[in-house]
C-alpha atoms as a PDB file:
ATOM      1  CA  MET A   1      59.877 102.359 107.129  1.00  0.00           C
ATOM      2  CA  ALA A   2      63.068 102.754 108.892  1.00  0.00           C
ATOM      3  CA  PHE A   3      64.875 102.891 105.384  1.00  0.00           C
ATOM      4  CA  VAL A   4      62.534 105.516 104.152  1.00  0.00           C
ATOM      5  CA  LEU A   5      63.151 107.744 107.101  1.00  0.00           C
ATOM      6  CA  LEU A   6      67.295 107.217 106.750  1.00  0.00           C
ATOM      7  CA  LEU A   7      66.685 108.026 102.689  1.00  0.00           C
ATOM      8  CA  GLY A   8      65.500 111.172 103.553  1.00  0.00           C
ATOM      9  CA  GLY A   9      68.009 112.491 106.221  1.00  0.00           C
ATOM     10  CA  GLY A  10      70.003 113.957 103.901  1.00  0.00           C
ATOM     11  CA  GLY A  11      71.446 111.222 101.818  1.00  0.00           C
ATOM     12  CA  PHE A  12      72.913 109.511 104.800  1.00  0.00           C
ATOM     13  CA  ALA A  13      72.204 106.463 104.356  1.00  0.00           C
ATOM     14  CA  ALA A  14      73.520 106.239 100.466  1.00  0.00           C
ATOM     15  CA  TRP A  15      76.779 107.690 102.394  1.00  0.00           C
ATOM     16  CA  LYS A  16      76.354 104.625 104.843  1.00  0.00           C
ATOM     17  CA  LEU A  17      75.573 102.131 102.416  1.00  0.00           C
ATOM     18  CA  GLU A  18      78.946 103.140 100.394  1.00  0.00           C
ATOM     19  CA  TRP A  19      80.778 102.587 103.733  1.00  0.00           C
ATOM     20  CA  LEU A  20      79.542  99.081 104.170  1.00  0.00           C
ATOM     21  CA  SER A  21      79.972  98.196  99.915  1.00  0.00           C
ATOM     22  CA  GLY A  22      81.847  94.996  99.245  1.00  0.00           C
ATOM     23  CA  ASN A  23      81.619  93.847 102.924  1.00  0.00           C
ATOM     24  CA  GLY A  24      82.383  90.408 103.749  1.00  0.00           C
ATOM     25  CA  ASP A  25      84.254  90.132 100.052  1.00  0.00           C
ATOM     26  CA  THR A  26      87.666  88.424 100.273  1.00  0.00           C
ATOM     27  CA  VAL A  27      90.121  90.911 100.389  1.00  0.00           C
ATOM     28  CA  SER A  28      94.437  90.843  99.005  1.00  0.00           C
ATOM     29  CA  PHE A  29      96.768  93.259  99.711  1.00  0.00           C
ATOM     30  CA  GLY A  30      99.762  93.808  97.341  1.00  0.00           C
ATOM     31  CA  LYS A  31     101.126  91.156  95.536  1.00  0.00           C
ATOM     32  CA  ALA A  32     100.386  87.752  96.910  1.00  0.00           C
ATOM     33  CA  PRO A  33     103.464  85.541  98.289  1.00  0.00           C
ATOM     34  CA  ALA A  34     104.690  82.450  96.715  1.00  0.00           C
ATOM     35  CA  SER A  35     102.489  80.042  99.514  1.00  0.00           C
ATOM     36  CA  ALA A  36      99.080  78.825  98.335  1.00  0.00           C
ATOM     37  CA  ALA A  37      96.336  81.023 100.224  1.00  0.00           C
ATOM     38  CA  PRO A  38      94.322  78.762 103.060  1.00  0.00           C
ATOM     39  CA  ASP A  39      91.247  77.235 103.162  1.00  0.00           C
ATOM     40  CA  PRO A  40      88.429  79.981 103.951  1.00  0.00           C
ATOM     41  CA  GLY A  41      87.742  80.045 107.322  1.00  0.00           C
ATOM     42  CA  THR A  42      90.698  78.577 108.480  1.00  0.00           C
ATOM     43  CA  PRO A  43      92.446  80.613 111.293  1.00  0.00           C
ATOM     44  CA  SER A  44      95.905  82.328 109.408  1.00  0.00           C
ATOM     45  CA  PRO A  45      98.962  80.422 111.132  1.00  0.00           C
ATOM     46  CA  ALA A  46     101.028  83.242 112.478  1.00  0.00           C
ATOM     47  CA  ALA A  47     104.550  82.019 112.629  1.00  0.00           C
ATOM     48  CA  PRO A  48     105.946  82.891 108.921  1.00  0.00           C
ATOM     49  CA  SER A  49     107.572  80.159 106.696  1.00  0.00           C
ATOM     50  CA  ALA A  50     110.935  81.199 104.929  1.00  0.00           C
ATOM     51  CA  SER A  51     110.896  84.492 103.427  1.00  0.00           C
ATOM     52  CA  PRO A  52     111.429  85.359  99.655  1.00  0.00           C
ATOM     53  CA  THR A  53     114.816  86.929  98.953  1.00  0.00           C
ATOM     54  CA  PRO A  54     114.097  90.570  98.875  1.00  0.00           C
ATOM     55  CA  THR A  55     116.196  92.976  96.613  1.00  0.00           C
ATOM     56  CA  GLY A  56     117.302  96.695  97.217  1.00  0.00           C
ATOM     57  CA  ASP A  57     117.448  97.535 101.319  1.00  0.00           C
ATOM     58  CA  PRO A  58     118.311  93.772 102.981  1.00  0.00           C
ATOM     59  CA  ASP A  59     116.155  95.500 105.446  1.00  0.00           C
ATOM     60  CA  VAL A  60     113.212  95.276 103.110  1.00  0.00           C
ATOM     61  CA  LEU A  61     111.539  91.622 104.245  1.00  0.00           C
ATOM     62  CA  LEU A  62     108.928  90.538 101.461  1.00  0.00           C
ATOM     63  CA  PRO A  63     105.892  88.834 103.212  1.00  0.00           C
ATOM     64  CA  SER A  64     107.003  84.908 103.933  1.00  0.00           C
ATOM     65  CA  GLY A  65     103.138  83.614 103.813  1.00  0.00           C
ATOM     66  CA  PRO A  66     101.311  81.422 103.894  1.00  0.00           C
ATOM     67  CA  LYS A  67      98.896  84.191 102.895  1.00  0.00           C
ATOM     68  CA  SER A  68      95.555  84.868 105.298  1.00  0.00           C
ATOM     69  CA  ASP A  69      92.204  84.972 104.610  1.00  0.00           C
ATOM     70  CA  PHE A  70      90.477  88.589 104.722  1.00  0.00           C
ATOM     71  CA  LYS A  71      87.132  89.405 104.724  1.00  0.00           C
ATOM     72  CA  GLN A  72      86.329  93.548 104.119  1.00  0.00           C
ATOM     73  CA  THR A  73      84.830  94.699 107.205  1.00  0.00           C
ATOM     74  CA  ALA A  74      84.849  98.763 105.818  1.00  0.00           C
ATOM     75  CA  LYS A  75      85.756 101.127 102.766  1.00  0.00           C
ATOM     76  CA  LEU A  76      87.456 104.163 103.093  1.00  0.00           C
ATOM     77  CA  ASP A  77      86.636 107.076 101.017  1.00  0.00           C
ATOM     78  CA  ASP A  78      90.079 106.686  98.990  1.00  0.00           C
ATOM     79  CA  GLY A  79      88.813 102.978  97.947  1.00  0.00           C
ATOM     80  CA  THR A  80      91.399 101.385 100.669  1.00  0.00           C
ATOM     81  CA  VAL A  81      89.907  99.249 102.816  1.00  0.00           C
ATOM     82  CA  ILE A  82      89.689  97.423 106.759  1.00  0.00           C
ATOM     83  CA  ALA A  83      89.583  93.869 106.553  1.00  0.00           C
ATOM     84  CA  LYS A  84      89.484  90.895 109.345  1.00  0.00           C
ATOM     85  CA  THR A  85      91.360  87.508 109.242  1.00  0.00           C
ATOM     86  CA  ARG A  86      91.505  85.031 111.927  1.00  0.00           C
ATOM     87  CA  VAL A  87      94.723  84.133 113.366  1.00  0.00           C
ATOM     88  CA  ALA A  88      96.152  81.058 115.322  1.00  0.00           C
ATOM     89  CA  GLY A  89      98.995  82.067 117.353  1.00  0.00           C
ATOM     90  CA  ALA A  90     101.670  79.584 117.065  1.00  0.00           C
ATOM     91  CA  LYS A  91     103.713  80.583 120.197  1.00  0.00           C
ATOM     92  CA  SER A  92     101.050  82.041 122.453  1.00  0.00           C
ATOM     93  CA  GLY A  93      97.962  78.907 121.552  1.00  0.00           C
ATOM     94  CA  PHE A  94      95.897  81.876 121.508  1.00  0.00           C
ATOM     95  CA  GLU A  95      93.435  82.287 118.162  1.00  0.00           C
ATOM     96  CA  GLY A  96      91.837  85.515 117.588  1.00  0.00           C
ATOM     97  CA  ASP A  97      90.573  88.541 115.555  1.00  0.00           C
ATOM     98  CA  VAL A  98      92.653  90.807 113.687  1.00  0.00           C
ATOM     99  CA  TRP A  99      91.651  93.558 111.556  1.00  0.00           C
ATOM    100  CA  VAL A 100      94.409  95.353 109.191  1.00  0.00           C
ATOM    101  CA  TRP A 101      94.408  98.058 107.011  1.00  0.00           C
ATOM    102  CA  THR A 102      96.737  99.228 104.317  1.00  0.00           C
ATOM    103  CA  PRO A 103      97.237 102.976 102.788  1.00  0.00           C
ATOM    104  CA  LYS A 104      97.042 103.331  99.450  1.00  0.00           C
ATOM    105  CA  GLU A 105     100.493 104.096  98.635  1.00  0.00           C
ATOM    106  CA  TYR A 106     101.055 100.150  99.935  1.00  0.00           C
ATOM    107  CA  ASN A 107      99.901  99.127  96.346  1.00  0.00           C
ATOM    108  CA  GLU A 108     101.654 101.666  94.121  1.00  0.00           C
ATOM    109  CA  ALA A 109     103.972 100.434  91.397  1.00  0.00           C
ATOM    110  CA  LYS A 110     106.647 102.611  93.305  1.00  0.00           C
ATOM    111  CA  TYR A 111     106.635 101.305  96.252  1.00  0.00           C
ATOM    112  CA  GLU A 112     105.931  97.243  95.284  1.00  0.00           C
ATOM    113  CA  LYS A 113     109.483  96.188  96.743  1.00  0.00           C
ATOM    114  CA  SER A 114     109.560  98.714  99.731  1.00  0.00           C
ATOM    115  CA  ALA A 115     108.919  97.755 102.906  1.00  0.00           C
ATOM    116  CA  PHE A 116     106.183  99.995 104.906  1.00  0.00           C
ATOM    117  CA  PRO A 117     106.305 100.775 108.846  1.00  0.00           C
ATOM    118  CA  VAL A 118     103.605  98.711 110.849  1.00  0.00           C
ATOM    119  CA  LEU A 119     101.576 100.751 114.027  1.00  0.00           C
ATOM    120  CA  ILE A 120      99.815  98.128 115.814  1.00  0.00           C
ATOM    121  CA  ALA A 121      96.508  99.695 117.353  1.00  0.00           C
ATOM    122  CA  LEU A 122      95.110  98.524 120.290  1.00  0.00           C
ATOM    123  CA  PRO A 123      92.337  99.490 121.922  1.00  0.00           C
ATOM    124  CA  GLY A 124      90.759 100.179 125.892  1.00  0.00           C
ATOM    125  CA  GLY A 125      87.669  99.039 127.052  1.00  0.00           C
ATOM    126  CA  ASN A 126      87.578  94.940 127.295  1.00  0.00           C
ATOM    127  CA  GLY A 127      89.348  94.796 123.971  1.00  0.00           C
ATOM    128  CA  PHE A 128      87.593  91.839 123.015  1.00  0.00           C
ATOM    129  CA  PRO A 129      85.963  90.483 120.991  1.00  0.00           C
ATOM    130  CA  SER A 130      86.720  93.736 118.327  1.00  0.00           C
ATOM    131  CA  ASN A 131      89.033  96.206 118.367  1.00  0.00           C
ATOM    132  CA  TYR A 132      87.279  99.589 117.624  1.00  0.00           C
ATOM    133  CA  TRP A 133      90.189 101.330 115.806  1.00  0.00           C
ATOM    134  CA  ALA A 134      88.802  98.633 113.267  1.00  0.00           C
ATOM    135  CA  ASP A 135      85.684 101.124 113.138  1.00  0.00           C
ATOM    136  CA  ARG A 136      86.095 104.120 110.160  1.00  0.00           C
ATOM    137  CA  SER A 137      84.079 106.305 111.993  1.00  0.00           C
ATOM    138  CA  LEU A 138      86.939 107.222 114.729  1.00  0.00           C
ATOM    139  CA  GLY A 139      88.878 108.470 111.714  1.00  0.00           C
ATOM    140  CA  LEU A 140      92.283 106.856 112.494  1.00  0.00           C
ATOM    141  CA  GLN A 141      92.776 105.175 109.047  1.00  0.00           C
ATOM    142  CA  LYS A 142      91.699 108.661 107.583  1.00  0.00           C
ATOM    143  CA  ALA A 143      93.947 110.839 109.831  1.00  0.00           C
ATOM    144  CA  ILE A 144      97.345 108.538 108.468  1.00  0.00           C
ATOM    145  CA  SER A 145      96.143 109.195 104.843  1.00  0.00           C
ATOM    146  CA  GLU A 146      95.505 113.093 105.386  1.00  0.00           C
ATOM    147  CA  GLY A 147      98.878 112.920 106.743  1.00  0.00           C
ATOM    148  CA  VAL A 148     100.514 111.575 104.158  1.00  0.00           C
ATOM    149  CA  GLN A 149      99.239 113.856 101.758  1.00  0.00           C
ATOM    150  CA  ALA A 150     100.175 116.654 103.787  1.00  0.00           C
ATOM    151  CA  GLY A 151     103.764 115.564 104.479  1.00  0.00           C
ATOM    152  CA  THR A 152     103.336 114.677 108.485  1.00  0.00           C
ATOM    153  CA  SER A 153     102.581 111.075 108.508  1.00  0.00           C
ATOM    154  CA  LEU A 154     104.169 108.066 106.760  1.00  0.00           C
ATOM    155  CA  PRO A 155     101.927 105.577 105.167  1.00  0.00           C
ATOM    156  CA  PHE A 156     101.398 103.157 108.281  1.00  0.00           C
ATOM    157  CA  ILE A 157     100.210  99.447 108.005  1.00  0.00           C
ATOM    158  CA  VAL A 158      97.544  99.023 110.568  1.00  0.00           C
ATOM    159  CA  ILE A 159      97.502  96.207 112.367  1.00  0.00           C
ATOM    160  CA  MET A 160      94.403  95.452 114.818  1.00  0.00           C
ATOM    161  CA  PRO A 161      94.328  92.814 116.933  1.00  0.00           C
ATOM    162  CA  VAL A 162      91.988  91.833 119.890  1.00  0.00           C
ATOM    163  CA  LEU A 163      93.669  93.030 123.443  1.00  0.00           C
ATOM    164  CA  ASN A 164      92.285  90.280 125.660  1.00  0.00           C
ATOM    165  CA  PRO A 165      91.008  86.574 125.519  1.00  0.00           C
ATOM    166  CA  ASP A 166      87.327  87.413 126.876  1.00  0.00           C
ATOM    167  CA  SER A 167      85.641  90.643 128.316  1.00  0.00           C
ATOM    168  CA  LYS A 168      85.586  89.133 131.717  1.00  0.00           C
ATOM    169  CA  TYR A 169      88.863  90.018 133.050  1.00  0.00           C
ATOM    170  CA  TYR A 170      91.690  92.738 131.823  1.00  0.00           C
ATOM    171  CA  TYR A 171      95.102  90.889 131.274  1.00  0.00           C
ATOM    172  CA  ASP A 172      97.422  93.568 130.778  1.00  0.00           C
ATOM    173  CA  GLY A 173      98.851  92.177 127.834  1.00  0.00           C
ATOM    174  CA  ALA A 174     101.150  90.023 129.384  1.00  0.00           C
ATOM    175  CA  ASP A 175     101.618  86.382 130.352  1.00  0.00           C
ATOM    176  CA  ILE A 176     100.028  85.960 133.300  1.00  0.00           C
ATOM    177  CA  PRO A 177     100.615  82.326 134.892  1.00  0.00           C
ATOM    178  CA  GLY A 178      98.083  80.077 134.420  1.00  0.00           C
ATOM    179  CA  GLN A 179      96.227  82.493 131.491  1.00  0.00           C
ATOM    180  CA  PRO A 180      96.039  83.060 128.253  1.00  0.00           C
ATOM    181  CA  LYS A 181      99.506  84.307 127.017  1.00  0.00           C
ATOM    182  CA  MET A 182      98.419  88.128 125.858  1.00  0.00           C
ATOM    183  CA  GLY A 183     101.673  89.144 126.186  1.00  0.00           C
ATOM    184  CA  THR A 184     103.250  86.101 123.378  1.00  0.00           C
ATOM    185  CA  TRP A 185     100.378  87.094 121.225  1.00  0.00           C
ATOM    186  CA  ILE A 186     100.995  90.759 121.214  1.00  0.00           C
ATOM    187  CA  ALA A 187     104.685  91.060 121.181  1.00  0.00           C
ATOM    188  CA  GLU A 188     105.312  87.741 119.031  1.00  0.00           C
ATOM    189  CA  ASP A 189     102.250  86.460 117.165  1.00  0.00           C
ATOM    190  CA  VAL A 190     100.728  89.217 115.512  1.00  0.00           C
ATOM    191  CA  PRO A 191     104.254  90.763 114.448  1.00  0.00           C
ATOM    192  CA  ASP A 192     104.639  87.176 113.168  1.00  0.00           C
ATOM    193  CA  PHE A 193     101.213  87.116 111.228  1.00  0.00           C
ATOM    194  CA  THR A 194     102.264  90.679 109.854  1.00  0.00           C
ATOM    195  CA  ARG A 195     105.489  89.514 108.557  1.00  0.00           C
ATOM    196  CA  ALA A 196     103.771  86.628 107.048  1.00  0.00           C
ATOM    197  CA  ASN A 197     101.305  89.164 104.945  1.00  0.00           C
ATOM    198  CA  PHE A 198     102.671  92.146 104.485  1.00  0.00           C
ATOM    199  CA  ARG A 199     106.125  93.853 103.373  1.00  0.00           C
ATOM    200  CA  THR A 200     107.882  94.726 106.628  1.00  0.00           C
ATOM    201  CA  TYR A 201     110.998  96.047 107.816  1.00  0.00           C
ATOM    202  CA  LYS A 202     113.410  93.951 109.864  1.00  0.00           C
ATOM    203  CA  SER A 203     114.558  96.325 112.290  1.00  0.00           C
ATOM    204  CA  ARG A 204     112.601  98.001 114.874  1.00  0.00           C
ATOM    205  CA  ASP A 205     112.783 101.051 112.818  1.00  0.00           C
ATOM    206  CA  GLY A 206     109.987 100.284 111.242  1.00  0.00           C
ATOM    207  CA  TRP A 207     107.727  98.520 113.803  1.00  0.00           C
ATOM    208  CA  ALA A 208     105.680 101.060 116.755  1.00  0.00           C
ATOM    209  CA  PHE A 209     102.542 100.799 118.344  1.00  0.00           C
ATOM    210  CA  MET A 210      99.593 103.182 119.496  1.00  0.00           C
ATOM    211  CA  GLY A 211      97.000 102.655 122.201  1.00  0.00           C
ATOM    212  CA  SER A 212      94.335 104.267 124.157  1.00  0.00           C
ATOM    213  CA  SER A 213      93.374 103.439 128.111  1.00  0.00           C
ATOM    214  CA  SER A 214      94.421  99.789 128.337  1.00  0.00           C
ATOM    215  CA  GLY A 215      95.654  99.626 125.124  1.00  0.00           C
ATOM    216  CA  ALA A 216      98.217 102.528 125.751  1.00  0.00           C
ATOM    217  CA  PHE A 217      99.635 100.587 129.065  1.00  0.00           C
ATOM    218  CA  VAL A 218     100.196  97.384 126.729  1.00  0.00           C
ATOM    219  CA  GLY A 219     102.044  99.563 123.745  1.00  0.00           C
ATOM    220  CA  MET A 220     104.043 101.206 126.192  1.00  0.00           C
ATOM    221  CA  LYS A 221     104.890  98.129 128.490  1.00  0.00           C
ATOM    222  CA  THR A 222     105.540  96.183 125.043  1.00  0.00           C
ATOM    223  CA  VAL A 223     107.816  98.420 123.623  1.00  0.00           C
ATOM    224  CA  LEU A 224     109.795  98.771 127.165  1.00  0.00           C
ATOM    225  CA  GLN A 225     110.021  95.472 127.251  1.00  0.00           C
ATOM    226  CA  TYR A 226     111.398  94.617 123.732  1.00  0.00           C
ATOM    227  CA  PRO A 227     113.282  97.408 122.708  1.00  0.00           C
ATOM    228  CA  ASP A 228     115.182  95.242 120.178  1.00  0.00           C
ATOM    229  CA  ARG A 229     111.806  94.725 118.269  1.00  0.00           C
ATOM    230  CA  PHE A 230     109.496  97.983 118.764  1.00  0.00           C
ATOM    231  CA  LYS A 231     110.968 101.286 118.859  1.00  0.00           C
ATOM    232  CA  ALA A 232     108.120 103.725 119.845  1.00  0.00           C
ATOM    233  CA  VAL A 233     104.577 104.204 121.216  1.00  0.00           C
ATOM    234  CA  ILE A 234     101.544 106.980 121.142  1.00  0.00           C
ATOM    235  CA  ALA A 235     100.077 105.839 124.458  1.00  0.00           C
ATOM    236  CA  SER A 236      96.985 108.009 124.935  1.00  0.00           C
ATOM    237  CA  GLY A 237      94.942 107.964 128.607  1.00  0.00           C
ATOM    238  CA  GLY A 238      96.492 104.910 129.992  1.00  0.00           C
ATOM    239  CA  GLU A 239      97.845 103.367 133.153  1.00  0.00           C
ATOM    240  CA  ILE A 240     101.565 103.159 134.281  1.00  0.00           C
ATOM    241  CA  VAL A 241     101.730 100.191 136.118  1.00  0.00           C
ATOM    242  CA  PRO A 242      99.875  96.648 135.961  1.00  0.00           C
ATOM    243  CA  ASP A 243      96.503  96.210 137.665  1.00  0.00           C
ATOM    244  CA  SER A 244      94.802  93.036 136.157  1.00  0.00           C
ATOM    245  CA  PRO A 245      93.584  91.174 139.265  1.00  0.00           C
ATOM    246  CA  LEU A 246      94.768  88.039 137.959  1.00  0.00           C
ATOM    247  CA  TRP A 247      98.693  88.649 139.235  1.00  0.00           C
ATOM    248  CA  LYS A 248      97.492  87.933 142.698  1.00  0.00           C
ATOM    249  CA  GLY A 249     100.336  85.602 144.056  1.00  0.00           C
ATOM    250  CA  HIS A 250     102.475  86.286 140.935  1.00  0.00           C
ATOM    251  CA  GLN A 251     104.349  89.280 142.144  1.00  0.00           C
ATOM    252  CA  ALA A 252     107.711  88.953 140.432  1.00  0.00           C
ATOM    253  CA  GLU A 253     105.977  88.096 136.925  1.00  0.00           C
ATOM    254  CA  MET A 254     103.500  91.459 137.213  1.00  0.00           C
ATOM    255  CA  ASP A 255     107.167  93.354 138.282  1.00  0.00           C
ATOM    256  CA  ALA A 256     108.757  91.545 134.856  1.00  0.00           C
ATOM    257  CA  ASN A 257     105.765  93.469 133.357  1.00  0.00           C
ATOM    258  CA  ASN A 258     105.739  96.892 134.998  1.00  0.00           C
ATOM    259  CA  PRO A 259     107.072 100.163 133.090  1.00  0.00           C
ATOM    260  CA  GLU A 260     108.260 101.612 135.695  1.00  0.00           C
ATOM    261  CA  LYS A 261     111.024  98.484 136.296  1.00  0.00           C
ATOM    262  CA  LEU A 262     111.120  97.878 132.742  1.00  0.00           C
ATOM    263  CA  ALA A 263     112.305 101.533 132.024  1.00  0.00           C
ATOM    264  CA  GLN A 264     114.799 101.302 134.870  1.00  0.00           C
ATOM    265  CA  LYS A 265     116.237  98.420 133.252  1.00  0.00           C
ATOM    266  CA  LEU A 266     116.438 100.401 129.947  1.00  0.00           C
ATOM    267  CA  ILE A 267     118.252 103.781 131.416  1.00  0.00           C
ATOM    268  CA  ASP A 268     120.971 101.260 133.609  1.00  0.00           C
ATOM    269  CA  GLY A 269     121.865  99.436 130.471  1.00  0.00           C
ATOM    270  CA  ASN A 270     122.140 102.400 129.025  1.00  0.00           C
ATOM    271  CA  GLY A 271     119.577 101.200 125.475  1.00  0.00           C
ATOM    272  CA  PRO A 272     118.488 100.986 123.672  1.00  0.00           C
ATOM    273  CA  GLU A 273     116.564 104.324 122.922  1.00  0.00           C
ATOM    274  CA  VAL A 274     113.103 103.900 122.635  1.00  0.00           C
ATOM    275  CA  TYR A 275     110.075 106.578 122.017  1.00  0.00           C
ATOM    276  CA  VAL A 276     107.164 106.883 124.260  1.00  0.00           C
ATOM    277  CA  ASN A 277     104.886 109.719 123.323  1.00  0.00           C
ATOM    278  CA  PHE A 278     102.014 110.115 125.807  1.00  0.00           C
ATOM    279  CA  GLN A 279      98.951 111.944 124.809  1.00  0.00           C
ATOM    280  CA  VAL A 280      96.228 113.677 127.325  1.00  0.00           C
ATOM    281  CA  GLY A 281      93.014 115.617 127.398  1.00  0.00           C
ATOM    282  CA  THR A 282      92.818 118.795 128.925  1.00  0.00           C
ATOM    283  CA  LYS A 283      89.207 117.050 130.417  1.00  0.00           C
ATOM    284  CA  GLU A 284      90.406 113.702 131.593  1.00  0.00           C
ATOM    285  CA  THR A 285      92.316 112.845 134.679  1.00  0.00           C
ATOM    286  CA  GLY A 286      95.840 110.946 134.355  1.00  0.00           C
ATOM    287  CA  LYS A 287      98.173 113.622 133.250  1.00  0.00           C
ATOM    288  CA  GLU A 288      99.450 113.841 137.252  1.00  0.00           C
ATOM    289  CA  ARG A 289     100.890 110.295 136.869  1.00  0.00           C
ATOM    290  CA  MET A 290     102.473 110.751 132.831  1.00  0.00           C
ATOM    291  CA  THR A 291     103.993 113.351 134.312  1.00  0.00           C
ATOM    292  CA  LYS A 292     105.111 111.788 137.429  1.00  0.00           C
ATOM    293  CA  PHE A 293     106.781 108.666 135.270  1.00  0.00           C
ATOM    294  CA  GLN A 294     108.189 111.217 132.729  1.00  0.00           C
ATOM    295  CA  GLN A 295     110.102 113.175 135.694  1.00  0.00           C
ATOM    296  CA  GLN A 296     111.375 109.697 136.416  1.00  0.00           C
ATOM    297  CA  TYR A 297     112.165 107.376 133.844  1.00  0.00           C
ATOM    298  CA  GLY A 298     112.036 109.984 130.833  1.00  0.00           C
ATOM    299  CA  LYS A 299     116.043 110.157 130.871  1.00  0.00           C
ATOM    300  CA  GLY A 300     118.671 108.485 128.924  1.00  0.00           C
ATOM    301  CA  PRO A 301     117.636 105.803 126.546  1.00  0.00           C
ATOM    302  CA  VAL A 302     114.005 106.314 127.395  1.00  0.00           C
ATOM    303  CA  LYS A 303     112.833 109.569 125.324  1.00  0.00           C
ATOM    304  CA  MET A 304     109.748 110.614 126.513  1.00  0.00           C
ATOM    305  CA  THR A 305     107.294 113.489 125.616  1.00  0.00           C
ATOM    306  CA  ILE A 306     103.823 114.449 126.881  1.00  0.00           C
ATOM    307  CA  ARG A 307     101.163 115.896 124.552  1.00  0.00           C
ATOM    308  CA  ASP A 308      98.043 117.933 125.614  1.00  0.00           C
ATOM    309  CA  ILE A 309      94.603 117.363 123.582  1.00  0.00           C
ATOM    310  CA  GLN A 310      92.931 120.878 124.406  1.00  0.00           C
ATOM    311  CA  ASN A 311      89.391 119.973 125.602  1.00  0.00           C
ATOM    312  CA  GLY A 312      90.138 116.573 124.888  1.00  0.00           C
ATOM    313  CA  GLU A 313      88.199 113.555 126.723  1.00  0.00           C
ATOM    314  CA  HIS A 314      88.906 109.924 127.247  1.00  0.00           C
ATOM    315  CA  ASN A 315      87.766 108.826 124.000  1.00  0.00           C
ATOM    316  CA  GLY A 316      89.301 107.663 120.382  1.00  0.00           C
ATOM    317  CA  TRP A 317      88.097 110.400 118.875  1.00  0.00           C
ATOM    318  CA  HIS A 318      90.037 112.802 120.495  1.00  0.00           C
ATOM    319  CA  TYR A 319      93.224 110.693 120.724  1.00  0.00           C
ATOM    320  CA  VAL A 320      93.000 110.712 116.730  1.00  0.00           C
ATOM    321  CA  ARG A 321      92.541 114.718 116.797  1.00  0.00           C
ATOM    322  CA  GLY A 322      95.994 114.652 119.125  1.00  0.00           C
ATOM    323  CA  MET A 323      97.555 112.523 116.405  1.00  0.00           C
ATOM    324  CA  LYS A 324      96.598 114.607 113.593  1.00  0.00           C
ATOM    325  CA  GLU A 325      98.017 118.024 115.563  1.00  0.00           C
ATOM    326  CA  GLY A 326     101.289 116.529 116.177  1.00  0.00           C
ATOM    327  CA  SER A 327     101.596 112.825 117.468  1.00  0.00           C
ATOM    328  CA  LEU A 328     101.833 111.263 114.273  1.00  0.00           C
ATOM    329  CA  GLU A 329     104.303 113.394 112.782  1.00  0.00           C
ATOM    330  CA  TRP A 330     106.308 113.059 115.933  1.00  0.00           C
ATOM    331  CA  ILE A 331     106.245 108.906 115.736  1.00  0.00           C
ATOM    332  CA  SER A 332     107.107 109.336 111.680  1.00  0.00           C
ATOM    333  CA  ASN A 333     109.886 111.354 112.665  1.00  0.00           C
ATOM    334  CA  VAL A 334     111.500 108.028 115.051  1.00  0.00           C
ATOM    335  CA  LEU A 335     110.336 105.466 112.411  1.00  0.00           C
ATOM    336  CA  LYS A 336     111.710 104.346 108.916  1.00  0.00           C
ATOM    337  CA  GLY A 337     109.524 105.172 105.589  1.00  0.00           C
ATOM    338  CA  PRO A 338     108.806 102.960 102.187  1.00  0.00           C
ATOM    339  CA  GLN A 339     111.593 103.890  99.737  1.00  0.00           C
ATOM    340  CA  PRO A 340     110.386 104.832  96.363  1.00  0.00           C
ATOM    341  CA  GLN A 341     112.495 102.876  93.173  1.00  0.00           C
ATOM    342  CA  VAL A 342     114.740 104.755  91.078  1.00  0.00           C
ATOM    343  CA  GLY A 343     114.084 104.788  87.474  1.00  0.00           C
END
């Protein structure tokens, strides 16, 4: 009965079924690496093995393998898909789900020897057991595809890991003593998994974060913490300092994950340059702390901007709108795009 009613709603059901068509099917991205695929259901190792020798740009790193087992979770209107796999973090010891999406350009012959920039998208809220950026209804992937067509966005590979190990606490994307090593998971295991499966750049010029709320904090913190690995972040509606209750009794470790102290360290050391783009809706709180942070630390190698989203609230739909209105172009201007083959 419910199905009949849906079909009567202007064809919505058929549209929704198209989104779901193929869900659960095995998915491959680009050409498979030389190593054998794992048995289905086996967590994907995050640490890459030896990589094939790339040709052309020496900054290009071809997929090193072993290949992960991806299952489709959503299909977009342009035929691209979002897929999920299970990753066993070799360095953190944490095992969690990761969703991925590649733009249609990734499979085009003219880019088959090129690397693509990576955008690691981190959610707010619990950040477990899912990552809401993998929900096509938020429009992140569509915004990137439309931006590529308009010449305002690079064709990013989007990597969407779980942020926390459970829904009980928030872990600040850090290695809090005595807790799962979520800092290592985000900063090392997730990039290792990405390099194992996709054509990426060796240099930080092809690596960035985006995130909302708690995910914005983690993305910004990680860029400031590892400026040799990551270059930029779009941080939407996030906090500025670590605030997990699990830091109690671990002040030194908390300080090592404090963006204020990390930014000052970069300023004192004169680099390397990093790029932080805050997004904040005009109908949410938080701009004051972003402005204060920019005034104190947005200097020298710490390049910082604040984008107001008119009538924006604290949600992913409005943050994607802000990205379409300028933040995608901003981050694309500081990162390295794919290079097509000539001739």
